Amino acid sequence: MKTFICALALFTTTMFAADISGKWTGTVEIVRDGEKRTTGAIMVLKQEGSKVTGTVGRDADRQFAIKTGTIEDGRITLEVVPDSGPAVVKFALKLDGDDRIAGDLKGEGDDGAFAGTVDLKREK
């Protein structure tokens, strides 16, 4: 009986886990060499099980493909390689409810290392 209850709880949690598929918009605050800059951000995500694909960018016209992406227990990890260079931007995000994603990003490019925060809301 205990095994059945555990299996049912796991199934229910998986069945009703939030799907992050959709369009998310908000802001990214980037710090590079002590200078802080805020810019718009758009993520278009598609979730299939624990795999996340899609695009990330400043606006709808400038989107970059997600190289690798996963979600587990509401924690989202993404790696994006922009067209403009060899930098890999890594995102460590957390799903907050069904309509907010927030967390950190970091990367390194030709101009040096950078870090920042991400705050996105699901578009309805």
PDB file of N, CA and C in Angstrom:
ATOM      1  N   MET A   1       0.821  -1.193   0.000  1.00  0.00           N
ATOM      2  CA  MET A   1       0.000   0.000   0.000  1.00  0.00           C
ATOM      3  C   MET A   1       0.871   1.265   0.000  1.00  0.00           C
ATOM      4  N   LYS A   2       1.944   1.228   0.786  1.00  0.00           N
ATOM      5  CA  LYS A   2       2.847   2.386   0.855  1.00  0.00           C
ATOM      6  C   LYS A   2       3.475   2.649  -0.515  1.00  0.00           C
ATOM      7  N   THR A   3       3.851   1.590  -1.223  1.00  0.00           N
ATOM      8  CA  THR A   3       4.436   1.731  -2.554  1.00  0.00           C
ATOM      9  C   THR A   3       3.427   2.347  -3.518  1.00  0.00           C
ATOM     10  N   PHE A   4       2.174   1.915  -3.425  1.00  0.00           N
ATOM     11  CA  PHE A   4       1.129   2.449  -4.286  1.00  0.00           C
ATOM     12  C   PHE A   4       0.941   3.946  -4.050  1.00  0.00           C
ATOM     13  N   ILE A   5       0.917   4.358  -2.793  1.00  0.00           N
ATOM     14  CA  ILE A   5       0.735   5.780  -2.467  1.00  0.00           C
ATOM     15  C   ILE A   5       1.906   6.600  -2.987  1.00  0.00           C
ATOM     16  N   CYS A   6       3.133   6.099  -2.832  1.00  0.00           N
ATOM     17  CA  CYS A   6       4.315   6.807  -3.350  1.00  0.00           C
ATOM     18  C   CYS A   6       4.259   6.925  -4.874  1.00  0.00           C
ATOM     19  N   ALA A   7       3.882   5.853  -5.527  1.00  0.00           N
ATOM     20  CA  ALA A   7       3.784   5.863  -6.994  1.00  0.00           C
ATOM     21  C   ALA A   7       2.699   6.835  -7.447  1.00  0.00           C
ATOM     22  N   LEU A   8       1.570   6.847  -6.740  1.00  0.00           N
ATOM     23  CA  LEU A   8       0.479   7.757  -7.084  1.00  0.00           C
ATOM     24  C   LEU A   8       0.915   9.211  -6.882  1.00  0.00           C
ATOM     25  N   ALA A   9       1.626   9.501  -5.817  1.00  0.00           N
ATOM     26  CA  ALA A   9       2.111  10.868  -5.558  1.00  0.00           C
ATOM     27  C   ALA A   9       3.082  11.309  -6.647  1.00  0.00           C
ATOM     28  N   LEU A  10       3.979  10.412  -7.045  1.00  0.00           N
ATOM     29  CA  LEU A  10       4.937  10.736  -8.101  1.00  0.00           C
ATOM     30  C   LEU A  10       4.216  10.976  -9.421  1.00  0.00           C
ATOM     31  N   PHE A  11       3.251  10.138  -9.756  1.00  0.00           N
ATOM     32  CA  PHE A  11       2.483  10.293 -10.992  1.00  0.00           C
ATOM     33  C   PHE A  11       1.711  11.612 -10.991  1.00  0.00           C
ATOM     34  N   THR A  12       1.072  11.930  -9.873  1.00  0.00           N
ATOM     35  CA  THR A  12       0.288  13.164  -9.769  1.00  0.00           C
ATOM     36  C   THR A  12       1.185  14.378  -9.903  1.00  0.00           C
ATOM     37  N   THR A  13       2.346  14.371  -9.256  1.00  0.00           N
ATOM     38  CA  THR A  13       3.284  15.485  -9.351  1.00  0.00           C
ATOM     39  C   THR A  13       3.753  15.668 -10.778  1.00  0.00           C
ATOM     40  N   THR A  14       4.083  14.576 -11.462  1.00  0.00           N
ATOM     41  CA  THR A  14       4.544  14.645 -12.847  1.00  0.00           C
ATOM     42  C   THR A  14       3.425  15.106 -13.770  1.00  0.00           C
ATOM     43  N   MET A  15       2.224  14.582 -13.533  1.00  0.00           N
ATOM     44  CA  MET A  15       1.101  14.896 -14.390  1.00  0.00           C
ATOM     45  C   MET A  15       0.708  16.376 -14.299  1.00  0.00           C
ATOM     46  N   PHE A  16       0.801  16.951 -13.115  1.00  0.00           N
ATOM     47  CA  PHE A  16       0.373  18.334 -12.930  1.00  0.00           C
ATOM     48  C   PHE A  16       1.525  19.322 -12.853  1.00  0.00           C
ATOM     49  N   ALA A  17       2.743  18.882 -13.146  1.00  0.00           N
ATOM     50  CA  ALA A  17       3.885  19.804 -13.151  1.00  0.00           C
ATOM     51  C   ALA A  17       3.672  20.841 -14.248  1.00  0.00           C
ATOM     52  N   ALA A  18       4.046  22.068 -13.955  1.00  0.00           N
ATOM     53  CA  ALA A  18       3.860  23.160 -14.910  1.00  0.00           C
ATOM     54  C   ALA A  18       4.690  22.916 -16.163  1.00  0.00           C
ATOM     55  N   ASP A  19       4.095  23.198 -17.291  1.00  0.00           N
ATOM     56  CA  ASP A  19       4.783  23.128 -18.573  1.00  0.00           C
ATOM     57  C   ASP A  19       5.229  24.546 -18.907  1.00  0.00           C
ATOM     58  N   ILE A  20       6.516  24.742 -19.157  1.00  0.00           N
ATOM     59  CA  ILE A  20       7.033  26.088 -19.409  1.00  0.00           C
ATOM     60  C   ILE A  20       6.963  26.487 -20.877  1.00  0.00           C
ATOM     61  N   SER A  21       6.355  25.656 -21.711  1.00  0.00           N
ATOM     62  CA  SER A  21       6.230  25.987 -23.131  1.00  0.00           C
ATOM     63  C   SER A  21       5.479  27.300 -23.302  1.00  0.00           C
ATOM     64  N   GLY A  22       5.996  28.143 -24.192  1.00  0.00           N
ATOM     65  CA  GLY A  22       5.328  29.402 -24.470  1.00  0.00           C
ATOM     66  C   GLY A  22       6.316  30.547 -24.563  1.00  0.00           C
ATOM     67  N   LYS A  23       5.765  31.754 -24.645  1.00  0.00           N
ATOM     68  CA  LYS A  23       6.581  32.958 -24.775  1.00  0.00           C
ATOM     69  C   LYS A  23       6.689  33.649 -23.416  1.00  0.00           C
ATOM     70  N   TRP A  24       7.917  34.005 -23.047  1.00  0.00           N
ATOM     71  CA  TRP A  24       8.219  34.659 -21.787  1.00  0.00           C
ATOM     72  C   TRP A  24       8.927  35.976 -22.092  1.00  0.00           C
ATOM     73  N   THR A  25       8.509  37.057 -21.467  1.00  0.00           N
ATOM     74  CA  THR A  25       9.135  38.353 -21.697  1.00  0.00           C
ATOM     75  C   THR A  25       9.474  39.022 -20.374  1.00  0.00           C
ATOM     76  N   GLY A  26      10.485  39.875 -20.417  1.00  0.00           N
ATOM     77  CA  GLY A  26      10.883  40.595 -19.214  1.00  0.00           C
ATOM     78  C   GLY A  26      12.187  41.321 -19.411  1.00  0.00           C
ATOM     79  N   THR A  27      13.024  41.274 -18.382  1.00  0.00           N
ATOM     80  CA  THR A  27      14.285  42.008 -18.422  1.00  0.00           C
ATOM     81  C   THR A  27      15.460  41.135 -18.012  1.00  0.00           C
ATOM     82  N   VAL A  28      16.622  41.556 -18.478  1.00  0.00           N
ATOM     83  CA  VAL A  28      17.902  40.976 -18.069  1.00  0.00           C
ATOM     84  C   VAL A  28      18.769  42.141 -17.613  1.00  0.00           C
ATOM     85  N   GLU A  29      19.350  42.004 -16.448  1.00  0.00           N
ATOM     86  CA  GLU A  29      20.301  43.003 -15.946  1.00  0.00           C
ATOM     87  C   GLU A  29      21.684  42.371 -15.999  1.00  0.00           C
ATOM     88  N   ILE A  30      22.576  42.960 -16.799  1.00  0.00           N
ATOM     89  CA  ILE A  30      23.913  42.402 -17.014  1.00  0.00           C
ATOM     90  C   ILE A  30      24.957  43.299 -16.367  1.00  0.00           C
ATOM     91  N   VAL A  31      25.916  42.672 -15.691  1.00  0.00           N
ATOM     92  CA  VAL A  31      27.037  43.396 -15.096  1.00  0.00           C
ATOM     93  C   VAL A  31      28.313  42.924 -15.783  1.00  0.00           C
ATOM     94  N   ARG A  32      29.052  43.896 -16.338  1.00  0.00           N
ATOM     95  CA  ARG A  32      30.322  43.605 -16.995  1.00  0.00           C
ATOM     96  C   ARG A  32      31.299  44.706 -16.585  1.00  0.00           C
ATOM     97  N   ASP A  33      32.426  44.312 -16.035  1.00  0.00           N
ATOM     98  CA  ASP A  33      33.439  45.269 -15.575  1.00  0.00           C
ATOM     99  C   ASP A  33      32.850  46.308 -14.622  1.00  0.00           C
ATOM    100  N   GLY A  34      31.946  45.866 -13.746  1.00  0.00           N
ATOM    101  CA  GLY A  34      31.351  46.764 -12.770  1.00  0.00           C
ATOM    102  C   GLY A  34      30.251  47.655 -13.303  1.00  0.00           C
ATOM    103  N   GLU A  35      30.026  47.617 -14.599  1.00  0.00           N
ATOM    104  CA  GLU A  35      28.978  48.440 -15.218  1.00  0.00           C
ATOM    105  C   GLU A  35      27.708  47.614 -15.377  1.00  0.00           C
ATOM    106  N   LYS A  36      26.580  48.165 -14.919  1.00  0.00           N
ATOM    107  CA  LYS A  36      25.299  47.476 -14.956  1.00  0.00           C
ATOM    108  C   LYS A  36      24.450  48.021 -16.108  1.00  0.00           C
ATOM    109  N   ARG A  37      23.833  47.098 -16.846  1.00  0.00           N
ATOM    110  CA  ARG A  37      22.982  47.481 -17.973  1.00  0.00           C
ATOM    111  C   ARG A  37      21.729  46.607 -17.982  1.00  0.00           C
ATOM    112  N   THR A  38      20.571  47.215 -18.175  1.00  0.00           N
ATOM    113  CA  THR A  38      19.314  46.477 -18.228  1.00  0.00           C
ATOM    114  C   THR A  38      18.793  46.488 -19.663  1.00  0.00           C
ATOM    115  N   THR A  39      18.347  45.333 -20.114  1.00  0.00           N
ATOM    116  CA  THR A  39      17.828  45.210 -21.471  1.00  0.00           C
ATOM    117  C   THR A  39      16.588  44.311 -21.449  1.00  0.00           C
ATOM    118  N   GLY A  40      15.804  44.392 -22.497  1.00  0.00           N
ATOM    119  CA  GLY A  40      14.651  43.519 -22.630  1.00  0.00           C
ATOM    120  C   GLY A  40      15.086  42.092 -22.935  1.00  0.00           C
ATOM    121  N   ALA A  41      14.189  41.165 -22.697  1.00  0.00           N
ATOM    122  CA  ALA A  41      14.489  39.755 -22.973  1.00  0.00           C
ATOM    123  C   ALA A  41      13.220  39.024 -23.375  1.00  0.00           C
ATOM    124  N   ILE A  42      13.399  38.115 -24.331  1.00  0.00           N
ATOM    125  CA  ILE A  42      12.307  37.245 -24.766  1.00  0.00           C
ATOM    126  C   ILE A  42      12.845  35.822 -24.848  1.00  0.00           C
ATOM    127  N   MET A  43      12.108  34.887 -24.258  1.00  0.00           N
ATOM    128  CA  MET A  43      12.400  33.457 -24.411  1.00  0.00           C
ATOM    129  C   MET A  43      11.155  32.800 -24.987  1.00  0.00           C
ATOM    130  N   VAL A  44      11.364  31.999 -26.011  1.00  0.00           N
ATOM    131  CA  VAL A  44      10.289  31.192 -26.570  1.00  0.00           C
ATOM    132  C   VAL A  44      10.693  29.749 -26.300  1.00  0.00           C
ATOM    133  N   LEU A  45       9.980  29.112 -25.370  1.00  0.00           N
ATOM    134  CA  LEU A  45      10.394  27.803 -24.875  1.00  0.00           C
ATOM    135  C   LEU A  45       9.413  26.713 -25.279  1.00  0.00           C
ATOM    136  N   LYS A  46       9.968  25.519 -25.463  1.00  0.00           N
ATOM    137  CA  LYS A  46       9.160  24.332 -25.703  1.00  0.00           C
ATOM    138  C   LYS A  46       9.694  23.234 -24.792  1.00  0.00           C
ATOM    139  N   GLN A  47       8.813  22.687 -23.985  1.00  0.00           N
ATOM    140  CA  GLN A  47       9.197  21.627 -23.057  1.00  0.00           C
ATOM    141  C   GLN A  47       8.617  20.301 -23.503  1.00  0.00           C
ATOM    142  N   GLU A  48       9.478  19.283 -23.555  1.00  0.00           N
ATOM    143  CA  GLU A  48       9.060  17.904 -23.821  1.00  0.00           C
ATOM    144  C   GLU A  48       9.687  17.050 -22.738  1.00  0.00           C
ATOM    145  N   GLY A  49       8.909  16.689 -21.742  1.00  0.00           N
ATOM    146  CA  GLY A  49       9.454  15.975 -20.588  1.00  0.00           C
ATOM    147  C   GLY A  49      10.386  16.901 -19.833  1.00  0.00           C
ATOM    148  N   SER A  50      11.631  16.474 -19.638  1.00  0.00           N
ATOM    149  CA  SER A  50      12.604  17.321 -18.941  1.00  0.00           C
ATOM    150  C   SER A  50      13.476  18.122 -19.911  1.00  0.00           C
ATOM    151  N   LYS A  51      13.271  17.933 -21.209  1.00  0.00           N
ATOM    152  CA  LYS A  51      14.065  18.641 -22.218  1.00  0.00           C
ATOM    153  C   LYS A  51      13.407  19.974 -22.582  1.00  0.00           C
ATOM    154  N   VAL A  52      14.239  21.030 -22.677  1.00  0.00           N
ATOM    155  CA  VAL A  52      13.751  22.354 -23.053  1.00  0.00           C
ATOM    156  C   VAL A  52      14.501  22.810 -24.303  1.00  0.00           C
ATOM    157  N   THR A  53      13.752  23.238 -25.309  1.00  0.00           N
ATOM    158  CA  THR A  53      14.320  23.794 -26.529  1.00  0.00           C
ATOM    159  C   THR A  53      13.683  25.153 -26.764  1.00  0.00           C
ATOM    160  N   GLY A  54      14.162  25.858 -27.778  1.00  0.00           N
ATOM    161  CA  GLY A  54      13.571  27.138 -28.114  1.00  0.00           C
ATOM    162  C   GLY A  54      14.625  28.172 -28.423  1.00  0.00           C
ATOM    163  N   THR A  55      14.273  29.436 -28.168  1.00  0.00           N
ATOM    164  CA  THR A  55      15.175  30.534 -28.458  1.00  0.00           C
ATOM    165  C   THR A  55      15.181  31.551 -27.325  1.00  0.00           C
ATOM    166  N   VAL A  56      16.266  32.350 -27.298  1.00  0.00           N
ATOM    167  CA  VAL A  56      16.454  33.398 -26.296  1.00  0.00           C
ATOM    168  C   VAL A  56      17.032  34.616 -27.008  1.00  0.00           C
ATOM    169  N   GLY A  57      16.584  35.805 -26.633  1.00  0.00           N
ATOM    170  CA  GLY A  57      17.154  37.010 -27.217  1.00  0.00           C
ATOM    171  C   GLY A  57      16.624  38.279 -26.592  1.00  0.00           C
ATOM    172  N   ARG A  58      17.166  39.406 -27.070  1.00  0.00           N
ATOM    173  CA  ARG A  58      16.738  40.720 -26.562  1.00  0.00           C
ATOM    174  C   ARG A  58      15.355  41.100 -27.046  1.00  0.00           C
ATOM    175  N   ASP A  59      15.043  40.714 -28.281  1.00  0.00           N
ATOM    176  CA  ASP A  59      13.748  41.056 -28.870  1.00  0.00           C
ATOM    177  C   ASP A  59      13.356  39.957 -29.855  1.00  0.00           C
ATOM    178  N   ALA A  60      12.192  40.094 -30.444  1.00  0.00           N
ATOM    179  CA  ALA A  60      11.672  39.061 -31.344  1.00  0.00           C
ATOM    180  C   ALA A  60      12.511  38.900 -32.601  1.00  0.00           C
ATOM    181  N   ASP A  61      13.196  39.965 -33.030  1.00  0.00           N
ATOM    182  CA  ASP A  61      13.994  39.905 -34.252  1.00  0.00           C
ATOM    183  C   ASP A  61      15.371  39.290 -34.053  1.00  0.00           C
ATOM    184  N   ARG A  62      15.843  39.268 -32.828  1.00  0.00           N
ATOM    185  CA  ARG A  62      17.192  38.766 -32.562  1.00  0.00           C
ATOM    186  C   ARG A  62      17.130  37.655 -31.512  1.00  0.00           C
ATOM    187  N   GLN A  63      16.901  36.434 -31.999  1.00  0.00           N
ATOM    188  CA  GLN A  63      16.770  35.260 -31.139  1.00  0.00           C
ATOM    189  C   GLN A  63      17.881  34.268 -31.448  1.00  0.00           C
ATOM    190  N   PHE A  64      18.358  33.589 -30.403  1.00  0.00           N
ATOM    191  CA  PHE A  64      19.413  32.585 -30.534  1.00  0.00           C
ATOM    192  C   PHE A  64      18.898  31.247 -30.017  1.00  0.00           C
ATOM    193  N   ALA A  65      19.250  30.183 -30.712  1.00  0.00           N
ATOM    194  CA  ALA A  65      18.774  28.850 -30.348  1.00  0.00           C
ATOM    195  C   ALA A  65      19.386  28.376 -29.036  1.00  0.00           C
ATOM    196  N   ILE A  66      18.575  27.680 -28.270  1.00  0.00           N
ATOM    197  CA  ILE A  66      19.057  27.044 -27.053  1.00  0.00           C
ATOM    198  C   ILE A  66      19.822  25.792 -27.470  1.00  0.00           C
ATOM    199  N   LYS A  67      21.089  25.723 -27.078  1.00  0.00           N
ATOM    200  CA  LYS A  67      21.941  24.580 -27.422  1.00  0.00           C
ATOM    201  C   LYS A  67      21.552  23.364 -26.578  1.00  0.00           C
ATOM    202  N   THR A  68      21.456  23.560 -25.279  1.00  0.00           N
ATOM    203  CA  THR A  68      20.982  22.506 -24.374  1.00  0.00           C
ATOM    204  C   THR A  68      20.077  23.142 -23.336  1.00  0.00           C
ATOM    205  N   GLY A  69      19.054  22.407 -22.934  1.00  0.00           N
ATOM    206  CA  GLY A  69      18.139  22.915 -21.923  1.00  0.00           C
ATOM    207  C   GLY A  69      17.433  21.788 -21.203  1.00  0.00           C
ATOM    208  N   THR A  70      17.292  21.953 -19.886  1.00  0.00           N
ATOM    209  CA  THR A  70      16.583  20.960 -19.081  1.00  0.00           C
ATOM    210  C   THR A  70      15.763  21.658 -17.999  1.00  0.00           C
ATOM    211  N   ILE A  71      14.756  20.954 -17.517  1.00  0.00           N
ATOM    212  CA  ILE A  71      13.987  21.392 -16.362  1.00  0.00           C
ATOM    213  C   ILE A  71      13.810  20.200 -15.442  1.00  0.00           C
ATOM    214  N   GLU A  72      14.053  20.422 -14.162  1.00  0.00           N
ATOM    215  CA  GLU A  72      13.875  19.372 -13.161  1.00  0.00           C
ATOM    216  C   GLU A  72      13.504  20.038 -11.849  1.00  0.00           C
ATOM    217  N   ASP A  73      12.375  19.644 -11.289  1.00  0.00           N
ATOM    218  CA  ASP A  73      11.882  20.205 -10.028  1.00  0.00           C
ATOM    219  C   ASP A  73      11.795  21.732 -10.071  1.00  0.00           C
ATOM    220  N   GLY A  74      11.374  22.282 -11.210  1.00  0.00           N
ATOM    221  CA  GLY A  74      11.215  23.721 -11.344  1.00  0.00           C
ATOM    222  C   GLY A  74      12.503  24.481 -11.600  1.00  0.00           C
ATOM    223  N   ARG A  75      13.627  23.781 -11.650  1.00  0.00           N
ATOM    224  CA  ARG A  75      14.916  24.419 -11.948  1.00  0.00           C
ATOM    225  C   ARG A  75      15.222  24.230 -13.435  1.00  0.00           C
ATOM    226  N   ILE A  76      15.504  25.348 -14.083  1.00  0.00           N
ATOM    227  CA  ILE A  76      15.730  25.350 -15.528  1.00  0.00           C
ATOM    228  C   ILE A  76      17.180  25.717 -15.804  1.00  0.00           C
ATOM    229  N   THR A  77      17.868  24.882 -16.591  1.00  0.00           N
ATOM    230  CA  THR A  77      19.232  25.212 -17.005  1.00  0.00           C
ATOM    231  C   THR A  77      19.258  25.270 -18.530  1.00  0.00           C
ATOM    232  N   LEU A  78      19.861  26.343 -19.042  1.00  0.00           N
ATOM    233  CA  LEU A  78      19.946  26.550 -20.484  1.00  0.00           C
ATOM    234  C   LEU A  78      21.359  26.948 -20.854  1.00  0.00           C
ATOM    235  N   GLU A  79      21.788  26.543 -22.036  1.00  0.00           N
ATOM    236  CA  GLU A  79      23.030  27.026 -22.633  1.00  0.00           C
ATOM    237  C   GLU A  79      22.699  27.558 -24.017  1.00  0.00           C
ATOM    238  N   VAL A  80      23.134  28.793 -24.275  1.00  0.00           N
ATOM    239  CA  VAL A  80      22.857  29.467 -25.538  1.00  0.00           C
ATOM    240  C   VAL A  80      24.173  29.958 -26.118  1.00  0.00           C
ATOM    241  N   VAL A  81      24.377  29.737 -27.417  1.00  0.00           N
ATOM    242  CA  VAL A  81      25.577  30.222 -28.093  1.00  0.00           C
ATOM    243  C   VAL A  81      25.145  31.282 -29.103  1.00  0.00           C
ATOM    244  N   PRO A  82      25.392  32.564 -28.800  1.00  0.00           N
ATOM    245  CA  PRO A  82      25.018  33.626 -29.741  1.00  0.00           C
ATOM    246  C   PRO A  82      25.804  33.526 -31.048  1.00  0.00           C
ATOM    247  N   ASP A  83      25.206  34.024 -32.123  1.00  0.00           N
ATOM    248  CA  ASP A  83      25.855  34.024 -33.438  1.00  0.00           C
ATOM    249  C   ASP A  83      27.108  34.891 -33.461  1.00  0.00           C
ATOM    250  N   SER A  84      27.145  35.903 -32.603  1.00  0.00           N
ATOM    251  CA  SER A  84      28.207  36.908 -32.669  1.00  0.00           C
ATOM    252  C   SER A  84      29.529  36.484 -32.034  1.00  0.00           C
ATOM    253  N   GLY A  85      29.644  35.263 -31.558  1.00  0.00           N
ATOM    254  CA  GLY A  85      30.927  34.893 -30.982  1.00  0.00           C
ATOM    255  C   GLY A  85      30.929  33.528 -30.345  1.00  0.00           C
ATOM    256  N   PRO A  86      32.061  33.171 -29.805  1.00  0.00           N
ATOM    257  CA  PRO A  86      32.227  31.850 -29.223  1.00  0.00           C
ATOM    258  C   PRO A  86      31.651  31.719 -27.818  1.00  0.00           C
ATOM    259  N   ALA A  87      31.124  32.798 -27.270  1.00  0.00           N
ATOM    260  CA  ALA A  87      30.638  32.777 -25.887  1.00  0.00           C
ATOM    261  C   ALA A  87      29.485  31.803 -25.724  1.00  0.00           C
ATOM    262  N   VAL A  88      29.470  31.122 -24.602  1.00  0.00           N
ATOM    263  CA  VAL A  88      28.333  30.313 -24.203  1.00  0.00           C
ATOM    264  C   VAL A  88      27.702  31.035 -23.022  1.00  0.00           C
ATOM    265  N   VAL A  89      26.426  31.336 -23.133  1.00  0.00           N
ATOM    266  CA  VAL A  89      25.714  31.977 -22.036  1.00  0.00           C
ATOM    267  C   VAL A  89      24.943  30.881 -21.306  1.00  0.00           C
ATOM    268  N   LYS A  90      25.199  30.772 -19.996  1.00  0.00           N
ATOM    269  CA  LYS A  90      24.557  29.744 -19.172  1.00  0.00           C
ATOM    270  C   LYS A  90      23.525  30.395 -18.268  1.00  0.00           C
ATOM    271  N   PHE A  91      22.322  29.818 -18.268  1.00  0.00           N
ATOM    272  CA  PHE A  91      21.228  30.304 -17.447  1.00  0.00           C
ATOM    273  C   PHE A  91      20.926  29.278 -16.366  1.00  0.00           C
ATOM    274  N   ALA A  92      20.768  29.748 -15.135  1.00  0.00           N
ATOM    275  CA  ALA A  92      20.304  28.925 -14.007  1.00  0.00           C
ATOM    276  C   ALA A  92      19.056  29.622 -13.486  1.00  0.00           C
ATOM    277  N   LEU A  93      17.889  29.087 -13.845  1.00  0.00           N
ATOM    278  CA  LEU A  93      16.620  29.749 -13.581  1.00  0.00           C
ATOM    279  C   LEU A  93      15.719  28.887 -12.711  1.00  0.00           C
ATOM    280  N   LYS A  94      14.716  29.515 -12.128  1.00  0.00           N
ATOM    281  CA  LYS A  94      13.748  28.793 -11.317  1.00  0.00           C
ATOM    282  C   LYS A  94      12.349  29.251 -11.707  1.00  0.00           C
ATOM    283  N   LEU A  95      11.473  28.275 -11.879  1.00  0.00           N
ATOM    284  CA  LEU A  95      10.078  28.550 -12.160  1.00  0.00           C
ATOM    285  C   LEU A  95       9.398  28.948 -10.857  1.00  0.00           C
ATOM    286  N   ASP A  96       8.733  30.098 -10.866  1.00  0.00           N
ATOM    287  CA  ASP A  96       8.036  30.611  -9.692  1.00  0.00           C
ATOM    288  C   ASP A  96       6.546  30.616 -10.012  1.00  0.00           C
ATOM    289  N   GLY A  97       5.829  29.647  -9.493  1.00  0.00           N
ATOM    290  CA  GLY A  97       4.423  29.499  -9.851  1.00  0.00           C
ATOM    291  C   GLY A  97       4.310  29.020 -11.285  1.00  0.00           C
ATOM    292  N   ASP A  98       3.297  29.505 -11.983  1.00  0.00           N
ATOM    293  CA  ASP A  98       3.093  29.114 -13.378  1.00  0.00           C
ATOM    294  C   ASP A  98       3.410  30.242 -14.345  1.00  0.00           C
ATOM    295  N   ASP A  99       3.727  31.443 -13.791  1.00  0.00           N
ATOM    296  CA  ASP A  99       3.833  32.588 -14.681  1.00  0.00           C
ATOM    297  C   ASP A  99       5.090  33.432 -14.513  1.00  0.00           C
ATOM    298  N   ARG A 100       6.090  32.935 -13.796  1.00  0.00           N
ATOM    299  CA  ARG A 100       7.324  33.718 -13.628  1.00  0.00           C
ATOM    300  C   ARG A 100       8.535  32.789 -13.632  1.00  0.00           C
ATOM    301  N   ILE A 101       9.581  33.229 -14.347  1.00  0.00           N
ATOM    302  CA  ILE A 101      10.880  32.562 -14.350  1.00  0.00           C
ATOM    303  C   ILE A 101      11.913  33.618 -13.973  1.00  0.00           C
ATOM    304  N   ALA A 102      12.767  33.292 -13.007  1.00  0.00           N
ATOM    305  CA  ALA A 102      13.803  34.232 -12.586  1.00  0.00           C
ATOM    306  C   ALA A 102      15.063  33.453 -12.248  1.00  0.00           C
ATOM    307  N   GLY A 103      16.203  34.143 -12.314  1.00  0.00           N
ATOM    308  CA  GLY A 103      17.455  33.488 -11.969  1.00  0.00           C
ATOM    309  C   GLY A 103      18.646  34.248 -12.488  1.00  0.00           C
ATOM    310  N   ASP A 104      19.718  33.516 -12.733  1.00  0.00           N
ATOM    311  CA  ASP A 104      21.002  34.109 -13.088  1.00  0.00           C
ATOM    312  C   ASP A 104      21.471  33.642 -14.455  1.00  0.00           C
ATOM    313  N   LEU A 105      22.360  34.454 -15.025  1.00  0.00           N
ATOM    314  CA  LEU A 105      23.058  34.058 -16.245  1.00  0.00           C
ATOM    315  C   LEU A 105      24.521  34.443 -16.093  1.00  0.00           C
ATOM    316  N   LYS A 106      25.375  33.734 -16.819  1.00  0.00           N
ATOM    317  CA  LYS A 106      26.795  34.087 -16.843  1.00  0.00           C
ATOM    318  C   LYS A 106      27.383  33.621 -18.157  1.00  0.00           C
ATOM    319  N   GLY A 107      28.462  34.277 -18.536  1.00  0.00           N
ATOM    320  CA  GLY A 107      29.115  33.918 -19.773  1.00  0.00           C
ATOM    321  C   GLY A 107      30.441  34.628 -19.902  1.00  0.00           C
ATOM    322  N   GLU A 108      31.111  34.317 -20.986  1.00  0.00           N
ATOM    323  CA  GLU A 108      32.380  34.970 -21.274  1.00  0.00           C
ATOM    324  C   GLU A 108      32.522  35.068 -22.776  1.00  0.00           C
ATOM    325  N   GLY A 109      32.866  36.254 -23.226  1.00  0.00           N
ATOM    326  CA  GLY A 109      33.021  36.491 -24.654  1.00  0.00           C
ATOM    327  C   GLY A 109      34.309  37.224 -24.935  1.00  0.00           C
ATOM    328  N   ASP A 110      34.427  37.760 -26.129  1.00  0.00           N
ATOM    329  CA  ASP A 110      35.625  38.502 -26.526  1.00  0.00           C
ATOM    330  C   ASP A 110      35.870  39.717 -25.624  1.00  0.00           C
ATOM    331  N   ASP A 111      34.793  40.282 -25.074  1.00  0.00           N
ATOM    332  CA  ASP A 111      34.902  41.460 -24.215  1.00  0.00           C
ATOM    333  C   ASP A 111      35.115  41.106 -22.745  1.00  0.00           C
ATOM    334  N   GLY A 112      35.240  39.823 -22.425  1.00  0.00           N
ATOM    335  CA  GLY A 112      35.449  39.400 -21.044  1.00  0.00           C
ATOM    336  C   GLY A 112      34.224  38.743 -20.441  1.00  0.00           C
ATOM    337  N   ALA A 113      34.321  38.457 -19.154  1.00  0.00           N
ATOM    338  CA  ALA A 113      33.255  37.765 -18.439  1.00  0.00           C
ATOM    339  C   ALA A 113      32.115  38.716 -18.100  1.00  0.00           C
ATOM    340  N   PHE A 114      30.920  38.155 -17.990  1.00  0.00           N
ATOM    341  CA  PHE A 114      29.757  38.933 -17.579  1.00  0.00           C
ATOM    342  C   PHE A 114      28.831  38.035 -16.779  1.00  0.00           C
ATOM    343  N   ALA A 115      27.977  38.655 -16.002  1.00  0.00           N
ATOM    344  CA  ALA A 115      26.982  37.941 -15.207  1.00  0.00           C
ATOM    345  C   ALA A 115      25.735  38.803 -15.154  1.00  0.00           C
ATOM    346  N   GLY A 116      24.646  38.214 -14.756  1.00  0.00           N
ATOM    347  CA  GLY A 116      23.428  39.000 -14.674  1.00  0.00           C
ATOM    348  C   GLY A 116      22.278  38.245 -14.062  1.00  0.00           C
ATOM    349  N   THR A 117      21.135  38.931 -14.009  1.00  0.00           N
ATOM    350  CA  THR A 117      19.913  38.337 -13.484  1.00  0.00           C
ATOM    351  C   THR A 117      18.822  38.420 -14.547  1.00  0.00           C
ATOM    352  N   VAL A 118      17.909  37.482 -14.478  1.00  0.00           N
ATOM    353  CA  VAL A 118      16.822  37.361 -15.447  1.00  0.00           C
ATOM    354  C   VAL A 118      15.496  37.387 -14.684  1.00  0.00           C
ATOM    355  N   ASP A 119      14.524  38.120 -15.203  1.00  0.00           N
ATOM    356  CA  ASP A 119      13.185  38.154 -14.608  1.00  0.00           C
ATOM    357  C   ASP A 119      12.172  38.181 -15.744  1.00  0.00           C
ATOM    358  N   LEU A 120      11.441  37.084 -15.919  1.00  0.00           N
ATOM    359  CA  LEU A 120      10.511  36.933 -17.041  1.00  0.00           C
ATOM    360  C   LEU A 120       9.120  36.534 -16.562  1.00  0.00           C
ATOM    361  N   LYS A 121       8.116  36.989 -17.301  1.00  0.00           N
ATOM    362  CA  LYS A 121       6.740  36.594 -17.033  1.00  0.00           C
ATOM    363  C   LYS A 121       6.169  35.950 -18.286  1.00  0.00           C
ATOM    364  N   ARG A 122       5.298  34.975 -18.073  1.00  0.00           N
ATOM    365  CA  ARG A 122       4.665  34.276 -19.196  1.00  0.00           C
ATOM    366  C   ARG A 122       3.668  35.205 -19.877  1.00  0.00           C
ATOM    367  N   GLU A 123       3.729  35.267 -21.213  1.00  0.00           N
ATOM    368  CA  GLU A 123       2.735  36.026 -21.962  1.00  0.00           C
ATOM    369  C   GLU A 123       1.472  35.193 -22.068  1.00  0.00           C
ATOM    370  N   LYS A 124       0.366  35.836 -21.891  1.00  0.00           N
ATOM    371  CA  LYS A 124      -0.930  35.137 -21.928  1.00  0.00           C
ATOM    372  C   LYS A 124      -1.467  35.083 -23.332  1.00  0.00           C
TER     373      LYS A 124
END
